[in-house]
Amino acid sequence: VKDTGIVLSANDVKASKKETGIYPNPTSGPITIKTANSGKYEVYSQ
């Protein structure tokens, strides 16, 4: 089964804001990447 729209749950978004993660999700464009380490994030299409 191909899942074309898997998103973080509300609880996961809250946890991401406290620790690591990407939010808001869904987004109209702007996002925040919160990470414990420096690094490269790659964005892939479907």
ModelCIF file with pLDDT and N, C-alpha, C, O atoms, coordinates in Angstrom:
data_MODEL
#
_entry.id   MODEL 
#
_entity.id                         1 
_entity.type                       polymer 
_entity.pdbx_number_of_molecules   1 
#
_entity_poly.entity_id                      1 
_entity_poly.type                           'polypeptide(L)' 
_entity_poly.nstd_linkage                   no 
_entity_poly.nstd_monomer                   no 
_entity_poly.pdbx_seq_one_letter_code       VKDTGIVLSANDVKASKKETGIYPNPTSGPITIKTANSGKYEVYSQ 
_entity_poly.pdbx_seq_one_letter_code_can   VKDTGIVLSANDVKASKKETGIYPNPTSGPITIKTANSGKYEVYSQ 
_entity_poly.pdbx_strand_id                 A 
#
loop_
_entity_poly_seq.entity_id 
_entity_poly_seq.num 
_entity_poly_seq.mon_id 
_entity_poly_seq.hetero 
1 1  VAL n 
1 2  LYS n 
1 3  ASP n 
1 4  THR n 
1 5  GLY n 
1 6  ILE n 
1 7  VAL n 
1 8  LEU n 
1 9  SER n 
1 10 ALA n 
1 11 ASN n 
1 12 ASP n 
1 13 VAL n 
1 14 LYS n 
1 15 ALA n 
1 16 SER n 
1 17 LYS n 
1 18 LYS n 
1 19 GLU n 
1 20 THR n 
1 21 GLY n 
1 22 ILE n 
1 23 TYR n 
1 24 PRO n 
1 25 ASN n 
1 26 PRO n 
1 27 THR n 
1 28 SER n 
1 29 GLY n 
1 30 PRO n 
1 31 ILE n 
1 32 THR n 
1 33 ILE n 
1 34 LYS n 
1 35 THR n 
1 36 ALA n 
1 37 ASN n 
1 38 SER n 
1 39 GLY n 
1 40 LYS n 
1 41 TYR n 
1 42 GLU n 
1 43 VAL n 
1 44 TYR n 
1 45 SER n 
1 46 GLN n 
#
_struct_asym.id          A 
_struct_asym.entity_id   1 
#
loop_
_ma_qa_metric.id 
_ma_qa_metric.mode 
_ma_qa_metric.name 
_ma_qa_metric.software_group_id 
_ma_qa_metric.type 
1 global pLDDT . pLDDT 
2 local  pLDDT . pLDDT 
#
_ma_qa_metric_global.metric_id      1 
_ma_qa_metric_global.metric_value   70.98 
_ma_qa_metric_global.model_id       1 
_ma_qa_metric_global.ordinal_id     1 
#
loop_
_ma_qa_metric_local.label_asym_id 
_ma_qa_metric_local.label_comp_id 
_ma_qa_metric_local.label_seq_id 
_ma_qa_metric_local.metric_id 
_ma_qa_metric_local.metric_value 
_ma_qa_metric_local.model_id 
_ma_qa_metric_local.ordinal_id 
A VAL 1  2 92.00 1 1  
A LYS 2  2 84.00 1 2  
A ASP 3  2 67.00 1 3  
A THR 4  2 55.00 1 4  
A GLY 5  2 50.00 1 5  
A ILE 6  2 47.00 1 6  
A VAL 7  2 42.00 1 7  
A LEU 8  2 37.00 1 8  
A SER 9  2 39.00 1 9  
A ALA 10 2 39.00 1 10 
A ASN 11 2 38.00 1 11 
A ASP 12 2 38.00 1 12 
A VAL 13 2 39.00 1 13 
A LYS 14 2 40.00 1 14 
A ALA 15 2 38.00 1 15 
A SER 16 2 39.00 1 16 
A LYS 17 2 42.00 1 17 
A LYS 18 2 43.00 1 18 
A GLU 19 2 55.00 1 19 
A THR 20 2 70.00 1 20 
A GLY 21 2 81.00 1 21 
A ILE 22 2 87.00 1 22 
A TYR 23 2 84.00 1 23 
A PRO 24 2 87.00 1 24 
A ASN 25 2 80.00 1 25 
A PRO 26 2 84.00 1 26 
A THR 27 2 87.00 1 27 
A SER 28 2 90.00 1 28 
A GLY 29 2 91.00 1 29 
A PRO 30 2 93.00 1 30 
A ILE 31 2 92.00 1 31 
A THR 32 2 90.00 1 32 
A ILE 33 2 90.00 1 33 
A LYS 34 2 89.00 1 34 
A THR 35 2 87.00 1 35 
A ALA 36 2 83.00 1 36 
A ASN 37 2 85.00 1 37 
A SER 38 2 88.00 1 38 
A GLY 39 2 89.00 1 39 
A LYS 40 2 92.00 1 40 
A TYR 41 2 92.00 1 41 
A GLU 42 2 91.00 1 42 
A VAL 43 2 91.00 1 43 
A TYR 44 2 87.00 1 44 
A SER 45 2 86.00 1 45 
A GLN 46 2 75.00 1 46 
#
loop_
_atom_site.group_PDB 
_atom_site.id 
_atom_site.type_symbol 
_atom_site.label_atom_id 
_atom_site.label_alt_id 
_atom_site.label_comp_id 
_atom_site.label_asym_id 
_atom_site.label_entity_id 
_atom_site.label_seq_id 
_atom_site.pdbx_PDB_ins_code 
_atom_site.Cartn_x 
_atom_site.Cartn_y 
_atom_site.Cartn_z 
_atom_site.occupancy 
_atom_site.B_iso_or_equiv 
_atom_site.pdbx_formal_charge 
_atom_site.auth_seq_id 
_atom_site.auth_comp_id 
_atom_site.auth_asym_id 
_atom_site.auth_atom_id 
_atom_site.pdbx_PDB_model_num 
ATOM 1   N N  . VAL A 1 1  ? 0.847  -1.185 0.000  1.00 92.00 ? 1  VAL A N  1 
ATOM 2   C CA . VAL A 1 1  ? 0.000  0.000  0.000  1.00 92.00 ? 1  VAL A CA 1 
ATOM 3   C C  . VAL A 1 1  ? 0.884  1.236  0.000  1.00 92.00 ? 1  VAL A C  1 
ATOM 4   O O  . VAL A 1 1  ? 1.726  1.413  0.880  1.00 92.00 ? 1  VAL A O  1 
ATOM 5   N N  . LYS A 1 2  ? 0.684  2.081  -0.988 1.00 84.00 ? 2  LYS A N  1 
ATOM 6   C CA . LYS A 1 2  ? 1.405  3.353  -1.075 1.00 84.00 ? 2  LYS A CA 1 
ATOM 7   C C  . LYS A 1 2  ? 0.615  4.416  -0.337 1.00 84.00 ? 2  LYS A C  1 
ATOM 8   O O  . LYS A 1 2  ? -0.550 4.664  -0.646 1.00 84.00 ? 2  LYS A O  1 
ATOM 9   N N  . ASP A 1 3  ? 1.253  5.042  0.637  1.00 67.00 ? 3  ASP A N  1 
ATOM 10  C CA . ASP A 1 3  ? 0.600  6.103  1.405  1.00 67.00 ? 3  ASP A CA 1 
ATOM 11  C C  . ASP A 1 3  ? 1.107  7.451  0.902  1.00 67.00 ? 3  ASP A C  1 
ATOM 12  O O  . ASP A 1 3  ? 2.271  7.804  1.090  1.00 67.00 ? 3  ASP A O  1 
ATOM 13  N N  . THR A 1 4  ? 0.217  8.187  0.267  1.00 55.00 ? 4  THR A N  1 
ATOM 14  C CA . THR A 1 4  ? 0.617  9.453  -0.342 1.00 55.00 ? 4  THR A CA 1 
ATOM 15  C C  . THR A 1 4  ? 0.396  10.645 0.570  1.00 55.00 ? 4  THR A C  1 
ATOM 16  O O  . THR A 1 4  ? 0.632  11.782 0.162  1.00 55.00 ? 4  THR A O  1 
ATOM 17  N N  . GLY A 1 5  ? -0.048 10.410 1.787  1.00 50.00 ? 5  GLY A N  1 
ATOM 18  C CA . GLY A 1 5  ? -0.269 11.544 2.678  1.00 50.00 ? 5  GLY A CA 1 
ATOM 19  C C  . GLY A 1 5  ? -0.158 11.170 4.137  1.00 50.00 ? 5  GLY A C  1 
ATOM 20  O O  . GLY A 1 5  ? -1.147 11.211 4.868  1.00 50.00 ? 5  GLY A O  1 
ATOM 21  N N  . ILE A 1 6  ? 1.044  10.803 4.574  1.00 47.00 ? 6  ILE A N  1 
ATOM 22  C CA . ILE A 1 6  ? 1.258  10.460 5.975  1.00 47.00 ? 6  ILE A CA 1 
ATOM 23  C C  . ILE A 1 6  ? 1.832  11.682 6.675  1.00 47.00 ? 6  ILE A C  1 
ATOM 24  O O  . ILE A 1 6  ? 2.872  12.205 6.273  1.00 47.00 ? 6  ILE A O  1 
ATOM 25  N N  . VAL A 1 7  ? 1.161  12.128 7.706  1.00 42.00 ? 7  VAL A N  1 
ATOM 26  C CA . VAL A 1 7  ? 1.586  13.346 8.388  1.00 42.00 ? 7  VAL A CA 1 
ATOM 27  C C  . VAL A 1 7  ? 1.771  13.073 9.867  1.00 42.00 ? 7  VAL A C  1 
ATOM 28  O O  . VAL A 1 7  ? 1.243  12.101 10.408 1.00 42.00 ? 7  VAL A O  1 
ATOM 29  N N  . LEU A 1 8  ? 2.518  13.933 10.501 1.00 37.00 ? 8  LEU A N  1 
ATOM 30  C CA . LEU A 1 8  ? 2.702  13.824 11.942 1.00 37.00 ? 8  LEU A CA 1 
ATOM 31  C C  . LEU A 1 8  ? 1.392  14.075 12.669 1.00 37.00 ? 8  LEU A C  1 
ATOM 32  O O  . LEU A 1 8  ? 0.614  14.947 12.284 1.00 37.00 ? 8  LEU A O  1 
ATOM 33  N N  . SER A 1 9  ? 1.155  13.306 13.723 1.00 39.00 ? 9  SER A N  1 
ATOM 34  C CA . SER A 1 9  ? -0.026 13.537 14.538 1.00 39.00 ? 9  SER A CA 1 
ATOM 35  C C  . SER A 1 9  ? 0.155  14.803 15.364 1.00 39.00 ? 9  SER A C  1 
ATOM 36  O O  . SER A 1 9  ? 1.262  15.333 15.467 1.00 39.00 ? 9  SER A O  1 
ATOM 37  N N  . ALA A 1 10 ? -0.938 15.285 15.952 1.00 39.00 ? 10 ALA A N  1 
ATOM 38  C CA . ALA A 1 10 ? -0.869 16.509 16.760 1.00 39.00 ? 10 ALA A CA 1 
ATOM 39  C C  . ALA A 1 10 ? 0.111  16.338 17.909 1.00 39.00 ? 10 ALA A C  1 
ATOM 40  O O  . ALA A 1 10 ? 0.859  17.262 18.229 1.00 39.00 ? 10 ALA A O  1 
ATOM 41  N N  . ASN A 1 11 ? 0.113  15.163 18.533 1.00 38.00 ? 11 ASN A N  1 
ATOM 42  C CA . ASN A 1 11 ? 1.041  14.922 19.644 1.00 38.00 ? 11 ASN A CA 1 
ATOM 43  C C  . ASN A 1 11 ? 2.478  14.974 19.174 1.00 38.00 ? 11 ASN A C  1 
ATOM 44  O O  . ASN A 1 11 ? 3.349  15.474 19.886 1.00 38.00 ? 11 ASN A O  1 
ATOM 45  N N  . ASP A 1 12 ? 2.742  14.449 17.952 1.00 38.00 ? 12 ASP A N  1 
ATOM 46  C CA . ASP A 1 12 ? 4.091  14.451 17.431 1.00 38.00 ? 12 ASP A CA 1 
ATOM 47  C C  . ASP A 1 12 ? 4.561  15.858 17.114 1.00 38.00 ? 12 ASP A C  1 
ATOM 48  O O  . ASP A 1 12 ? 5.729  16.181 17.329 1.00 38.00 ? 12 ASP A O  1 
ATOM 49  N N  . VAL A 1 13 ? 3.664  16.707 16.601 1.00 39.00 ? 13 VAL A N  1 
ATOM 50  C CA . VAL A 1 13 ? 4.036  18.085 16.301 1.00 39.00 ? 13 VAL A CA 1 
ATOM 51  C C  . VAL A 1 13 ? 4.432  18.817 17.578 1.00 39.00 ? 13 VAL A C  1 
ATOM 52  O O  . VAL A 1 13 ? 5.421  19.550 17.595 1.00 39.00 ? 13 VAL A O  1 
ATOM 53  N N  . LYS A 1 14 ? 3.657  18.620 18.654 1.00 40.00 ? 14 LYS A N  1 
ATOM 54  C CA . LYS A 1 14 ? 3.991  19.253 19.932 1.00 40.00 ? 14 LYS A CA 1 
ATOM 55  C C  . LYS A 1 14 ? 5.340  18.778 20.440 1.00 40.00 ? 14 LYS A C  1 
ATOM 56  O O  . LYS A 1 14 ? 6.146  19.564 20.938 1.00 40.00 ? 14 LYS A O  1 
ATOM 57  N N  . ALA A 1 15 ? 5.576  17.455 20.303 1.00 38.00 ? 15 ALA A N  1 
ATOM 58  C CA . ALA A 1 15 ? 6.845  16.903 20.771 1.00 38.00 ? 15 ALA A CA 1 
ATOM 59  C C  . ALA A 1 15 ? 7.998  17.447 19.939 1.00 38.00 ? 15 ALA A C  1 
ATOM 60  O O  . ALA A 1 15 ? 9.083  17.708 20.458 1.00 38.00 ? 15 ALA A O  1 
ATOM 61  N N  . SER A 1 16 ? 7.751  17.616 18.630 1.00 39.00 ? 16 SER A N  1 
ATOM 62  C CA . SER A 1 16 ? 8.799  18.127 17.762 1.00 39.00 ? 16 SER A CA 1 
ATOM 63  C C  . SER A 1 16 ? 9.213  19.530 18.153 1.00 39.00 ? 16 SER A C  1 
ATOM 64  O O  . SER A 1 16 ? 10.393 19.871 18.084 1.00 39.00 ? 16 SER A O  1 
ATOM 65  N N  . LYS A 1 17 ? 8.253  20.349 18.563 1.00 42.00 ? 17 LYS A N  1 
ATOM 66  C CA . LYS A 1 17 ? 8.585  21.719 18.935 1.00 42.00 ? 17 LYS A CA 1 
ATOM 67  C C  . LYS A 1 17 ? 9.474  21.749 20.184 1.00 42.00 ? 17 LYS A C  1 
ATOM 68  O O  . LYS A 1 17 ? 10.265 22.672 20.376 1.00 42.00 ? 17 LYS A O  1 
ATOM 69  N N  . LYS A 1 18 ? 9.328  20.728 21.023 1.00 43.00 ? 18 LYS A N  1 
ATOM 70  C CA . LYS A 1 18 ? 10.112 20.698 22.250 1.00 43.00 ? 18 LYS A CA 1 
ATOM 71  C C  . LYS A 1 18 ? 11.496 20.106 22.019 1.00 43.00 ? 18 LYS A C  1 
ATOM 72  O O  . LYS A 1 18 ? 12.459 20.504 22.675 1.00 43.00 ? 18 LYS A O  1 
ATOM 73  N N  . GLU A 1 19 ? 11.605 19.140 21.073 1.00 55.00 ? 19 GLU A N  1 
ATOM 74  C CA . GLU A 1 19 ? 12.856 18.410 20.913 1.00 55.00 ? 19 GLU A CA 1 
ATOM 75  C C  . GLU A 1 19 ? 13.394 18.577 19.488 1.00 55.00 ? 19 GLU A C  1 
ATOM 76  O O  . GLU A 1 19 ? 14.068 19.564 19.193 1.00 55.00 ? 19 GLU A O  1 
ATOM 77  N N  . THR A 1 20 ? 13.102 17.624 18.611 1.00 70.00 ? 20 THR A N  1 
ATOM 78  C CA . THR A 1 20 ? 13.514 17.729 17.226 1.00 70.00 ? 20 THR A CA 1 
ATOM 79  C C  . THR A 1 20 ? 12.324 17.471 16.318 1.00 70.00 ? 20 THR A C  1 
ATOM 80  O O  . THR A 1 20 ? 11.352 16.834 16.723 1.00 70.00 ? 20 THR A O  1 
ATOM 81  N N  . GLY A 1 21 ? 12.401 17.971 15.083 1.00 81.00 ? 21 GLY A N  1 
ATOM 82  C CA . GLY A 1 21 ? 11.314 17.715 14.155 1.00 81.00 ? 21 GLY A CA 1 
ATOM 83  C C  . GLY A 1 21 ? 11.133 18.853 13.173 1.00 81.00 ? 21 GLY A C  1 
ATOM 84  O O  . GLY A 1 21 ? 11.925 19.794 13.125 1.00 81.00 ? 21 GLY A O  1 
ATOM 85  N N  . ILE A 1 22 ? 10.064 18.742 12.388 1.00 87.00 ? 22 ILE A N  1 
ATOM 86  C CA . ILE A 1 22 ? 9.734  19.744 11.381 1.00 87.00 ? 22 ILE A CA 1 
ATOM 87  C C  . ILE A 1 22 ? 8.272  20.143 11.545 1.00 87.00 ? 22 ILE A C  1 
ATOM 88  O O  . ILE A 1 22 ? 7.401  19.278 11.645 1.00 87.00 ? 22 ILE A O  1 
ATOM 89  N N  . TYR A 1 23 ? 7.999  21.430 11.573 1.00 84.00 ? 23 TYR A N  1 
ATOM 90  C CA . TYR A 1 23 ? 6.637  21.917 11.743 1.00 84.00 ? 23 TYR A CA 1 
ATOM 91  C C  . TYR A 1 23 ? 6.540  23.321 11.138 1.00 84.00 ? 23 TYR A C  1 
ATOM 92  O O  . TYR A 1 23 ? 7.569  23.977 10.978 1.00 84.00 ? 23 TYR A O  1 
ATOM 93  N N  . PRO A 1 24 ? 5.328  23.808 10.792 1.00 87.00 ? 24 PRO A N  1 
ATOM 94  C CA . PRO A 1 24 ? 4.029  23.122 10.887 1.00 87.00 ? 24 PRO A CA 1 
ATOM 95  C C  . PRO A 1 24 ? 3.874  22.090 9.782  1.00 87.00 ? 24 PRO A C  1 
ATOM 96  O O  . PRO A 1 24 ? 4.589  22.127 8.780  1.00 87.00 ? 24 PRO A O  1 
ATOM 97  N N  . ASN A 1 25 ? 2.958  21.192 9.966  1.00 80.00 ? 25 ASN A N  1 
ATOM 98  C CA . ASN A 1 25 ? 2.690  20.149 8.993  1.00 80.00 ? 25 ASN A CA 1 
ATOM 99  C C  . ASN A 1 25 ? 1.212  19.788 9.042  1.00 80.00 ? 25 ASN A C  1 
ATOM 100 O O  . ASN A 1 25 ? 0.760  19.208 10.030 1.00 80.00 ? 25 ASN A O  1 
ATOM 101 N N  . PRO A 1 26 ? 0.435  20.119 7.991  1.00 84.00 ? 26 PRO A N  1 
ATOM 102 C CA . PRO A 1 26 ? 0.820  20.639 6.684  1.00 84.00 ? 26 PRO A CA 1 
ATOM 103 C C  . PRO A 1 26 ? 1.335  22.080 6.754  1.00 84.00 ? 26 PRO A C  1 
ATOM 104 O O  . PRO A 1 26 ? 1.177  22.766 7.764  1.00 84.00 ? 26 PRO A O  1 
ATOM 105 N N  . THR A 1 27 ? 1.954  22.518 5.655  1.00 87.00 ? 27 THR A N  1 
ATOM 106 C CA . THR A 1 27 ? 2.475  23.874 5.581  1.00 87.00 ? 27 THR A CA 1 
ATOM 107 C C  . THR A 1 27 ? 2.151  24.484 4.229  1.00 87.00 ? 27 THR A C  1 
ATOM 108 O O  . THR A 1 27 ? 2.059  23.783 3.221  1.00 87.00 ? 27 THR A O  1 
ATOM 109 N N  . SER A 1 28 ? 1.979  25.810 4.220  1.00 90.00 ? 28 SER A N  1 
ATOM 110 C CA . SER A 1 28 ? 1.789  26.525 2.961  1.00 90.00 ? 28 SER A CA 1 
ATOM 111 C C  . SER A 1 28 ? 3.138  26.907 2.357  1.00 90.00 ? 28 SER A C  1 
ATOM 112 O O  . SER A 1 28 ? 3.198  27.386 1.225  1.00 90.00 ? 28 SER A O  1 
ATOM 113 N N  . GLY A 1 29 ? 4.206  26.698 3.099  1.00 91.00 ? 29 GLY A N  1 
ATOM 114 C CA . GLY A 1 29 ? 5.544  27.024 2.607  1.00 91.00 ? 29 GLY A CA 1 
ATOM 115 C C  . GLY A 1 29 ? 6.580  27.105 3.717  1.00 91.00 ? 29 GLY A C  1 
ATOM 116 O O  . GLY A 1 29 ? 7.536  26.329 3.709  1.00 91.00 ? 29 GLY A O  1 
ATOM 117 N N  . PRO A 1 30 ? 6.423  28.023 4.676  1.00 93.00 ? 30 PRO A N  1 
ATOM 118 C CA . PRO A 1 30 ? 7.415  28.169 5.746  1.00 93.00 ? 30 PRO A CA 1 
ATOM 119 C C  . PRO A 1 30 ? 7.418  26.960 6.682  1.00 93.00 ? 30 PRO A C  1 
ATOM 120 O O  . PRO A 1 30 ? 6.358  26.476 7.078  1.00 93.00 ? 30 PRO A O  1 
ATOM 121 N N  . ILE A 1 31 ? 8.598  26.479 7.032  1.00 92.00 ? 31 ILE A N  1 
ATOM 122 C CA . ILE A 1 31 ? 8.745  25.396 8.010  1.00 92.00 ? 31 ILE A CA 1 
ATOM 123 C C  . ILE A 1 31 ? 9.874  25.725 8.962  1.00 92.00 ? 31 ILE A C  1 
ATOM 124 O O  . ILE A 1 31 ? 10.758 26.528 8.663  1.00 92.00 ? 31 ILE A O  1 
ATOM 125 N N  . THR A 1 32 ? 9.822  25.080 10.124 1.00 90.00 ? 32 THR A N  1 
ATOM 126 C CA . THR A 1 32 ? 10.906 25.157 11.090 1.00 90.00 ? 32 THR A CA 1 
ATOM 127 C C  . THR A 1 32 ? 11.492 23.762 11.260 1.00 90.00 ? 32 THR A C  1 
ATOM 128 O O  . THR A 1 32 ? 10.769 22.803 11.530 1.00 90.00 ? 32 THR A O  1 
ATOM 129 N N  . ILE A 1 33 ? 12.797 23.658 11.100 1.00 90.00 ? 33 ILE A N  1 
ATOM 130 C CA . ILE A 1 33 ? 13.498 22.400 11.346 1.00 90.00 ? 33 ILE A CA 1 
ATOM 131 C C  . ILE A 1 33 ? 14.248 22.551 12.652 1.00 90.00 ? 33 ILE A C  1 
ATOM 132 O O  . ILE A 1 33 ? 15.145 23.384 12.782 1.00 90.00 ? 33 ILE A O  1 
ATOM 133 N N  . LYS A 1 34 ? 13.865 21.733 13.617 1.00 89.00 ? 34 LYS A N  1 
ATOM 134 C CA . LYS A 1 34 ? 14.544 21.785 14.907 1.00 89.00 ? 34 LYS A CA 1 
ATOM 135 C C  . LYS A 1 34 ? 15.379 20.521 15.061 1.00 89.00 ? 34 LYS A C  1 
ATOM 136 O O  . LYS A 1 34 ? 14.845 19.414 14.995 1.00 89.00 ? 34 LYS A O  1 
ATOM 137 N N  . THR A 1 35 ? 16.672 20.675 15.264 1.00 87.00 ? 35 THR A N  1 
ATOM 138 C CA . THR A 1 35 ? 17.573 19.534 15.286 1.00 87.00 ? 35 THR A CA 1 
ATOM 139 C C  . THR A 1 35 ? 18.596 19.667 16.404 1.00 87.00 ? 35 THR A C  1 
ATOM 140 O O  . THR A 1 35 ? 18.976 20.771 16.793 1.00 87.00 ? 35 THR A O  1 
ATOM 141 N N  . ALA A 1 36 ? 19.030 18.527 16.910 1.00 83.00 ? 36 ALA A N  1 
ATOM 142 C CA . ALA A 1 36 ? 20.036 18.512 17.977 1.00 83.00 ? 36 ALA A CA 1 
ATOM 143 C C  . ALA A 1 36 ? 21.450 18.579 17.414 1.00 83.00 ? 36 ALA A C  1 
ATOM 144 O O  . ALA A 1 36 ? 22.409 18.789 18.157 1.00 83.00 ? 36 ALA A O  1 
ATOM 145 N N  . ASN A 1 37 ? 21.580 18.399 16.097 1.00 85.00 ? 37 ASN A N  1 
ATOM 146 C CA . ASN A 1 37 ? 22.900 18.416 15.474 1.00 85.00 ? 37 ASN A CA 1 
ATOM 147 C C  . ASN A 1 37 ? 22.843 19.157 14.148 1.00 85.00 ? 37 ASN A C  1 
ATOM 148 O O  . ASN A 1 37 ? 21.799 19.182 13.496 1.00 85.00 ? 37 ASN A O  1 
ATOM 149 N N  . SER A 1 38 ? 23.946 19.756 13.746 1.00 88.00 ? 38 SER A N  1 
ATOM 150 C CA . SER A 1 38 ? 24.026 20.382 12.426 1.00 88.00 ? 38 SER A CA 1 
ATOM 151 C C  . SER A 1 38 ? 24.035 19.301 11.361 1.00 88.00 ? 38 SER A C  1 
ATOM 152 O O  . SER A 1 38 ? 24.553 18.206 11.582 1.00 88.00 ? 38 SER A O  1 
ATOM 153 N N  . GLY A 1 39 ? 23.459 19.610 10.203 1.00 89.00 ? 39 GLY A N  1 
ATOM 154 C CA . GLY A 1 39 ? 23.450 18.622 9.136  1.00 89.00 ? 39 GLY A CA 1 
ATOM 155 C C  . GLY A 1 39 ? 22.622 19.071 7.953  1.00 89.00 ? 39 GLY A C  1 
ATOM 156 O O  . GLY A 1 39 ? 22.028 20.149 7.956  1.00 89.00 ? 39 GLY A O  1 
ATOM 157 N N  . LYS A 1 40 ? 22.595 18.224 6.946  1.00 92.00 ? 40 LYS A N  1 
ATOM 158 C CA . LYS A 1 40 ? 21.893 18.522 5.708  1.00 92.00 ? 40 LYS A CA 1 
ATOM 159 C C  . LYS A 1 40 ? 20.554 17.788 5.674  1.00 92.00 ? 40 LYS A C  1 
ATOM 160 O O  . LYS A 1 40 ? 20.479 16.600 5.988  1.00 92.00 ? 40 LYS A O  1 
ATOM 161 N N  . TYR A 1 41 ? 19.504 18.505 5.292  1.00 92.00 ? 41 TYR A N  1 
ATOM 162 C CA . TYR A 1 41 ? 18.180 17.913 5.110  1.00 92.00 ? 41 TYR A CA 1 
ATOM 163 C C  . TYR A 1 41 ? 17.842 17.965 3.624  1.00 92.00 ? 41 TYR A C  1 
ATOM 164 O O  . TYR A 1 41 ? 17.912 19.023 2.999  1.00 92.00 ? 41 TYR A O  1 
ATOM 165 N N  . GLU A 1 42 ? 17.477 16.818 3.065  1.00 91.00 ? 42 GLU A N  1 
ATOM 166 C CA . GLU A 1 42 ? 17.143 16.736 1.651  1.00 91.00 ? 42 GLU A CA 1 
ATOM 167 C C  . GLU A 1 42 ? 15.643 16.526 1.499  1.00 91.00 ? 42 GLU A C  1 
ATOM 168 O O  . GLU A 1 42 ? 15.046 15.713 2.205  1.00 91.00 ? 42 GLU A O  1 
ATOM 169 N N  . VAL A 1 43 ? 15.036 17.271 0.568  1.00 91.00 ? 43 VAL A N  1 
ATOM 170 C CA . VAL A 1 43 ? 13.594 17.196 0.323  1.00 91.00 ? 43 VAL A CA 1 
ATOM 171 C C  . VAL A 1 43 ? 13.374 16.457 -1.001 1.00 91.00 ? 43 VAL A C  1 
ATOM 172 O O  . VAL A 1 43 ? 13.908 16.844 -2.040 1.00 91.00 ? 43 VAL A O  1 
ATOM 173 N N  . TYR A 1 44 ? 12.569 15.374 -0.941 1.00 87.00 ? 44 TYR A N  1 
ATOM 174 C CA . TYR A 1 44 ? 12.315 14.559 -2.119 1.00 87.00 ? 44 TYR A CA 1 
ATOM 175 C C  . TYR A 1 44 ? 10.828 14.628 -2.496 1.00 87.00 ? 44 TYR A C  1 
ATOM 176 O O  . TYR A 1 44 ? 9.958  14.681 -1.627 1.00 87.00 ? 44 TYR A O  1 
ATOM 177 N N  . SER A 1 45 ? 10.560 14.627 -3.792 1.00 86.00 ? 45 SER A N  1 
ATOM 178 C CA . SER A 1 45 ? 9.188  14.549 -4.279 1.00 86.00 ? 45 SER A CA 1 
ATOM 179 C C  . SER A 1 45 ? 8.703  13.111 -4.173 1.00 86.00 ? 45 SER A C  1 
ATOM 180 O O  . SER A 1 45 ? 9.475  12.220 -3.819 1.00 86.00 ? 45 SER A O  1 
ATOM 181 N N  . GLN A 1 46 ? 7.411  12.874 -4.482 1.00 75.00 ? 46 GLN A N  1 
ATOM 182 C CA . GLN A 1 46 ? 6.861  11.526 -4.419 1.00 75.00 ? 46 GLN A CA 1 
ATOM 183 C C  . GLN A 1 46 ? 7.501  10.597 -5.433 1.00 75.00 ? 46 GLN A C  1 
ATOM 184 O O  . GLN A 1 46 ? 7.144  9.421  -5.505 1.00 75.00 ? 46 GLN A O  1 
#
